[in-house]
Protein backbone atom coordinates (compact mmCIF):
# COMPACT_ATOMS: atom_id res chain seq x y z
CA UNK A 1 0.01 0.00 0.01
CA UNK A 2 1.26 3.51 -0.80
CA UNK A 3 2.42 5.52 2.19
CA UNK A 4 0.91 9.03 2.48
CA UNK A 5 2.40 11.73 4.66
CA UNK A 6 -0.10 14.52 5.51
CA UNK A 7 1.25 17.75 7.01
CA UNK A 8 -1.06 20.01 8.98
CA UNK A 9 -2.89 16.76 9.63
CA UNK A 10 -4.83 17.87 12.71
CA UNK A 11 -5.99 21.18 11.21
CA UNK A 12 -9.27 22.24 9.64
CA UNK A 13 -8.49 20.65 6.25
CA UNK A 14 -6.07 17.98 7.44
CA UNK A 15 -8.49 16.26 9.82
CA UNK A 16 -10.96 15.16 7.13
CA UNK A 17 -8.15 14.42 4.71
CA UNK A 18 -6.58 11.95 7.13
CA UNK A 19 -9.96 10.33 7.80
CA UNK A 20 -10.76 9.92 4.12
CA UNK A 21 -7.29 8.75 3.12
CA UNK A 22 -7.14 5.99 5.68
CA UNK A 23 -8.80 3.38 3.43
CA UNK A 24 -6.61 4.07 0.42
CA UNK A 25 -3.21 4.74 1.97
CA UNK A 26 -0.99 3.90 4.87
CA UNK A 27 -1.45 7.30 6.50
CA UNK A 28 1.19 9.16 8.49
CA UNK A 29 -0.17 12.38 10.04
CA UNK A 30 2.24 15.20 11.02
CA UNK A 31 1.36 18.31 13.00
CA UNK A 32 2.62 20.47 15.82
CA UNK A 33 -0.04 19.19 18.19
CA UNK A 34 -2.09 15.99 18.32
CA UNK A 35 -5.50 17.73 18.28
CA UNK A 36 -8.53 15.49 18.03
CA UNK A 37 -7.99 11.70 18.32
CA UNK A 38 -6.98 10.06 15.05
CA UNK A 39 -8.53 6.87 13.68
CA UNK A 40 -6.90 3.54 14.58
CA UNK A 41 -3.99 2.60 12.36
CA UNK A 42 -2.89 6.15 11.61
CA UNK A 43 0.65 6.99 12.74
CA UNK A 44 1.00 10.41 14.30
CA UNK A 45 4.30 12.42 14.12
CA UNK A 46 4.60 15.49 16.26
CA UNK A 47 6.63 17.92 14.17
CA UNK A 48 7.16 21.70 13.82
CA UNK A 49 8.13 22.02 10.20
CA UNK A 50 9.50 25.53 10.83
CA UNK A 51 12.22 24.12 13.14
CA UNK A 52 15.61 23.75 11.38
CA UNK A 53 15.98 20.27 9.86
CA UNK A 54 12.54 19.08 11.09
CA UNK A 55 11.12 18.51 7.61
CA UNK A 56 14.09 16.41 6.54
CA UNK A 57 14.01 14.32 9.72
CA UNK A 58 10.27 13.71 9.30
CA UNK A 59 10.56 12.52 5.72
CA UNK A 60 13.55 10.31 6.46
CA UNK A 61 11.59 8.68 9.31
CA UNK A 62 8.40 8.11 7.34
CA UNK A 63 9.81 7.44 3.84
CA UNK A 64 6.45 8.29 2.15
CA UNK A 65 5.64 7.47 -1.47
CA UNK A 66 2.94 10.21 -1.47
CA UNK A 67 2.76 13.64 0.17
CA UNK A 68 -0.19 15.91 0.92
CA UNK A 69 1.29 19.17 2.17
CA UNK A 70 -1.29 21.40 3.93
CA UNK A 71 0.64 23.04 6.75
CA UNK A 72 0.97 26.82 6.52
CA UNK A 73 0.13 29.94 8.53
CA UNK A 74 -3.65 30.42 8.28
CA UNK A 75 -4.76 32.62 11.17
CA UNK A 76 -7.46 35.09 10.00
CA UNK A 77 -6.36 38.70 10.16
CA UNK A 78 -2.73 37.56 10.22
CA UNK A 79 -1.86 35.29 7.35
CA UNK A 80 -2.41 37.65 4.42
CA UNK A 81 0.71 39.72 5.20
CA UNK A 82 2.50 37.67 7.86
CA UNK A 83 6.32 37.39 7.49
CA UNK A 84 5.84 33.75 8.49
CA UNK A 85 4.68 33.06 4.89
CA UNK A 86 8.33 33.36 3.83
CA UNK A 87 9.37 30.88 6.51
CA UNK A 88 6.76 28.44 5.19
CA UNK A 89 8.18 28.72 1.68
CA UNK A 90 11.63 27.71 2.99
CA UNK A 91 10.22 24.90 5.15
CA UNK A 92 8.14 23.59 2.23
CA UNK A 93 11.17 23.59 -0.02
CA UNK A 94 13.11 21.55 2.55
CA UNK A 95 10.16 19.13 2.82
CA UNK A 96 9.90 18.67 -0.92
CA UNK A 97 13.66 18.27 -1.42
CA UNK A 98 13.70 15.57 1.27
CA UNK A 99 10.63 13.89 -0.25
CA UNK A 100 12.32 13.66 -3.65
CA UNK A 101 15.60 12.54 -2.11
CA UNK A 102 13.86 9.70 -0.24
CA UNK A 103 12.14 8.36 -3.35
CA UNK A 104 8.75 10.04 -3.10
CA UNK A 105 6.75 9.87 -6.29
CA UNK A 106 3.54 11.94 -5.88
CA UNK A 107 3.00 15.26 -4.09
CA UNK A 108 -0.14 17.38 -3.73
CA UNK A 109 0.45 20.81 -2.24
CA UNK A 110 -2.20 23.23 -1.02
CA UNK A 111 -2.26 26.51 -2.91
CA UNK A 112 -4.87 29.24 -2.92
CA UNK A 113 -7.26 31.12 -5.21
CA UNK A 114 -5.47 34.26 -3.88
CA UNK A 115 -2.74 33.49 -6.44
CA UNK A 116 -5.05 34.72 -9.19
CA UNK A 117 -5.34 38.34 -10.31
CA UNK A 118 -8.65 39.14 -8.61
CA UNK A 119 -9.05 42.28 -10.67
CA UNK A 120 -9.28 40.14 -13.78
CA UNK A 121 -10.79 37.02 -12.29
CA UNK A 122 -14.52 36.13 -12.24
CA UNK A 123 -14.49 32.45 -13.19
CA UNK A 124 -10.94 31.26 -12.58
CA UNK A 125 -9.42 28.78 -15.03
CA UNK A 126 -5.94 27.38 -14.35
CA UNK A 127 -4.53 27.87 -17.82
CA UNK A 128 -6.36 31.11 -18.69
CA UNK A 129 -6.86 33.40 -15.68
CA UNK A 130 -3.73 35.47 -14.98
CA UNK A 131 -1.91 35.17 -11.65
CA UNK A 132 -1.11 38.42 -9.87
CA UNK A 133 -1.53 37.93 -6.12
CA UNK A 134 -2.16 41.04 -4.08
CA UNK A 135 -0.93 39.68 -0.71
CA UNK A 136 2.24 38.24 0.76
CA UNK A 137 0.36 35.00 1.33
CA UNK A 138 -0.66 34.72 -2.35
CA UNK A 139 2.77 35.73 -3.60
CA UNK A 140 4.54 33.17 -1.40
CA UNK A 141 2.17 30.41 -2.48
CA UNK A 142 2.60 31.28 -6.14
CA UNK A 143 6.42 31.38 -5.91
CA UNK A 144 6.40 27.96 -4.18
CA UNK A 145 4.16 26.53 -6.90
CA UNK A 146 6.70 27.53 -9.57
CA UNK A 147 9.59 26.12 -7.53
CA UNK A 148 7.77 22.85 -6.77
CA UNK A 149 6.89 22.35 -10.43
CA UNK A 150 10.53 22.81 -11.44
CA UNK A 151 11.71 20.44 -8.71
CA UNK A 152 9.19 17.83 -9.80
CA UNK A 153 10.34 17.95 -13.39
CA UNK A 154 13.99 17.77 -12.37
CA UNK A 155 13.61 14.93 -9.89
CA UNK A 156 10.84 12.87 -11.52
CA UNK A 157 8.21 13.71 -8.87
CA UNK A 158 4.59 14.11 -9.99
CA UNK A 159 3.43 17.42 -8.43
CA UNK A 160 -0.11 18.81 -8.32
CA UNK A 161 -0.73 22.31 -7.00
CA UNK A 162 -4.25 22.44 -5.47
CA UNK A 163 -5.73 25.96 -5.51
CA UNK A 164 -8.35 25.98 -2.77
CA UNK A 165 -11.23 28.45 -2.82
CA UNK A 166 -13.53 29.38 0.13
CA UNK A 167 -13.85 26.41 2.44
CA UNK A 168 -16.17 26.13 5.44
CA UNK A 169 -17.22 23.41 7.84
CA UNK A 170 -16.77 21.97 11.34
CA UNK A 171 -13.48 22.90 13.02
CA UNK A 172 -12.93 26.11 11.07
CA UNK A 173 -11.18 29.01 12.82
CA UNK A 174 -13.87 30.91 14.80
CA UNK A 175 -12.93 34.28 13.25
CA UNK A 176 -13.85 33.21 9.69
CA UNK A 177 -17.19 34.06 8.08
CA UNK A 178 -19.47 31.11 8.83
CA UNK A 179 -18.35 30.42 12.38
CA UNK A 180 -18.16 34.10 13.35
CA UNK A 181 -21.75 34.67 12.24
CA UNK A 182 -22.91 31.39 13.79
CA UNK A 183 -21.28 31.99 17.13
CA UNK A 184 -22.79 35.46 17.40
CA UNK A 185 -26.27 34.30 16.49
CA UNK A 186 -26.16 31.30 18.82
CA UNK A 187 -25.20 33.73 21.61
CA UNK A 188 -28.12 36.02 20.68
CA UNK A 189 -25.94 38.88 19.49
CA UNK A 190 -26.75 41.03 16.44
CA UNK A 191 -24.46 40.57 13.43
CA UNK A 192 -23.68 43.76 11.43
CA UNK A 193 -22.66 42.73 7.87
CA UNK A 194 -21.84 44.25 4.55
CA UNK A 195 -24.50 44.07 1.84
CA UNK A 196 -22.97 40.72 0.95
CA UNK A 197 -23.40 41.07 -2.79
CA UNK A 198 -19.87 39.82 -3.55
CA UNK A 199 -20.01 36.34 -5.16
CA UNK A 200 -17.64 33.61 -4.01
CA UNK A 201 -17.12 29.86 -4.35
CA UNK A 202 -17.94 28.12 -1.06
CA UNK A 203 -17.06 24.43 -0.59
CA UNK A 204 -17.62 22.21 2.45
CA UNK A 205 -14.31 21.04 3.89
CA UNK A 206 -15.29 17.35 3.56
CA UNK A 207 -15.72 17.81 -0.19
CA UNK A 208 -12.36 19.63 -0.39
CA UNK A 209 -10.71 16.75 1.51
CA UNK A 210 -12.24 14.20 -0.86
CA UNK A 211 -10.87 16.21 -3.79
CA UNK A 212 -7.37 16.39 -2.30
CA UNK A 213 -7.28 12.68 -1.53
CA UNK A 214 -8.58 11.84 -5.01
CA UNK A 215 -5.95 14.11 -6.50
CA UNK A 216 -3.19 12.34 -4.55
CA UNK A 217 -4.22 9.06 -6.14
CA UNK A 218 -3.96 10.18 -9.79
CA UNK A 219 -1.18 11.61 -11.96
CA UNK A 220 -2.61 15.05 -12.83
CA UNK A 221 0.15 17.67 -12.52
CA UNK A 222 0.26 21.45 -12.39
CA UNK A 223 -2.33 23.83 -11.03
CA UNK A 224 -5.72 22.35 -10.13
CA UNK A 225 -8.69 24.37 -8.80
CA UNK A 226 -10.67 22.92 -5.91
CA UNK A 227 -14.02 24.64 -5.42
CA UNK A 228 -17.74 24.09 -5.81
CA UNK A 229 -17.91 25.74 -9.27
CA UNK A 230 -21.14 27.39 -7.95
CA UNK A 231 -21.38 31.20 -7.65
CA UNK A 232 -22.94 32.11 -4.30
CA UNK A 233 -23.38 35.63 -2.89
CA UNK A 234 -22.00 36.11 0.60
CA UNK A 235 -25.44 37.25 1.75
CA UNK A 236 -26.85 33.84 0.78
CA UNK A 237 -24.33 32.11 2.97
CA UNK A 238 -25.12 34.44 5.87
CA UNK A 239 -28.81 33.78 5.31
CA UNK A 240 -28.27 30.01 5.54
CA UNK A 241 -26.36 30.44 8.79
CA UNK A 242 -29.17 32.59 10.18
CA UNK A 243 -31.80 30.06 9.25
CA UNK A 244 -29.78 27.19 10.76
CA UNK A 245 -29.41 29.20 13.98
CA UNK A 246 -33.07 30.23 13.98
CA UNK A 247 -32.17 33.94 14.37
CA UNK A 248 -32.54 35.66 10.99
CA UNK A 249 -33.81 38.84 12.69
CA UNK A 250 -30.32 39.44 14.16
CA UNK A 251 -28.58 39.71 10.79
CA UNK A 252 -28.02 43.34 9.75
CA UNK A 253 -27.14 43.37 6.07
CA UNK A 254 -25.69 46.60 4.78
CA UNK A 255 -24.72 47.83 8.24
CA UNK A 256 -21.03 47.78 7.35
CA UNK A 257 -19.36 49.11 4.18
CA UNK A 258 -18.04 46.68 1.61
CA UNK A 259 -14.26 47.25 1.24
CA UNK A 260 -13.40 48.82 -2.12
CA UNK A 261 -10.81 46.10 -2.67
CA UNK A 262 -13.43 43.29 -2.67
CA UNK A 263 -13.72 41.80 -6.15
CA UNK A 264 -17.32 41.25 -7.30
CA UNK A 265 -16.92 37.57 -8.19
CA UNK A 266 -14.34 34.80 -7.64
CA UNK A 267 -15.47 31.30 -8.69
CA UNK A 268 -13.57 28.16 -9.62
CA UNK A 269 -13.69 26.25 -12.82
CA UNK A 270 -12.97 22.65 -11.73
CA UNK A 271 -12.97 20.96 -15.11
CA UNK A 272 -9.38 19.70 -14.79
CA UNK A 273 -10.03 18.07 -11.42
CA UNK A 274 -13.39 16.58 -12.48
CA UNK A 275 -11.99 15.11 -15.68
CA UNK A 276 -8.97 13.54 -13.94
CA UNK A 277 -10.68 12.15 -10.84
CA UNK A 278 -14.45 12.11 -11.40
CA UNK A 279 -14.80 14.16 -8.24
CA UNK A 280 -17.79 16.45 -7.67
CA UNK A 281 -19.13 18.10 -4.50
CA UNK A 282 -21.60 16.10 -2.50
CA UNK A 283 -22.56 18.54 0.30
CA UNK A 284 -25.04 21.30 -0.72
CA UNK A 285 -24.82 24.70 0.99
CA UNK A 286 -27.88 24.30 3.22
CA UNK A 287 -26.78 20.90 4.50
CA UNK A 288 -23.19 22.01 4.98
CA UNK A 289 -24.09 25.13 6.85
CA UNK A 290 -26.56 23.25 9.07
CA UNK A 291 -23.83 20.68 9.81
CA UNK A 292 -21.40 23.45 10.70
CA UNK A 293 -23.84 25.34 12.92
CA UNK A 294 -24.70 22.14 14.79
CA UNK A 295 -20.98 21.58 15.34
CA UNK A 296 -20.63 25.05 16.89
CA UNK A 297 -23.86 24.49 18.90
CA UNK A 298 -22.20 21.39 20.35
CA UNK A 299 -18.99 23.28 21.02
CA UNK A 300 -20.97 25.92 23.00
CA UNK A 301 -22.73 23.21 25.03
CA UNK A 302 -19.36 21.58 25.85
């Protein structure tokens, strides 16, 4: 059985990836902290990839055939311009060099839709939409994607760069859109929002995990979008959260101004992914939001 190393394995995206990969791979989960209990048979490796030499030691210990690299700085309000993005580029390069040196054959690395030029975006297509990231986070991801592609070609490693769009679901950081609205409404607090007319591509994290695991099992290389392919206005998402919480009267649309920098529409074209893997989303927005709100309701009760 192929041996899959998942970094950031106890995080928001890593947790469902590890769960879904367990039947198809021998899974080795790496993270700074153990987090929630892992399924039986999954080997956990406590590792801070930003520590000098840690990535090399991890790969030499695991000797994976496959790699799913998710670890990165992702704290809302911090990650867009954090200097730590540059440290993650260096750590990721060390990880990928070690992976190639130890005979790894297939790597899937988490990128971001923020690599695209949002001023020219709309529906984003990997081979058509220009890349011109407007943040340190996007620029660092894009530079790593170019470097990883070159390394893969030089060392015979099949590398896919997974550009993730707007994910939501259980375990998401509480400061992000869906949990921040849900937590306020569940506590009975009013939620002042923008008009919410900007259109985005929202995908449940379980669907994203299924896409990433499917991508790890095939040979598709280069940039690959992972999104729902469905344009949804932010106000629709907020409305679903309000209905799931039973407090629509507390939502105050238009109370806050929409930042001038907000692009009107960012949506993924997922044709490359769908053709290569047969993947398609299985969780509709209403079900996914209800699932997420129930998770936060349980977290409040605990």
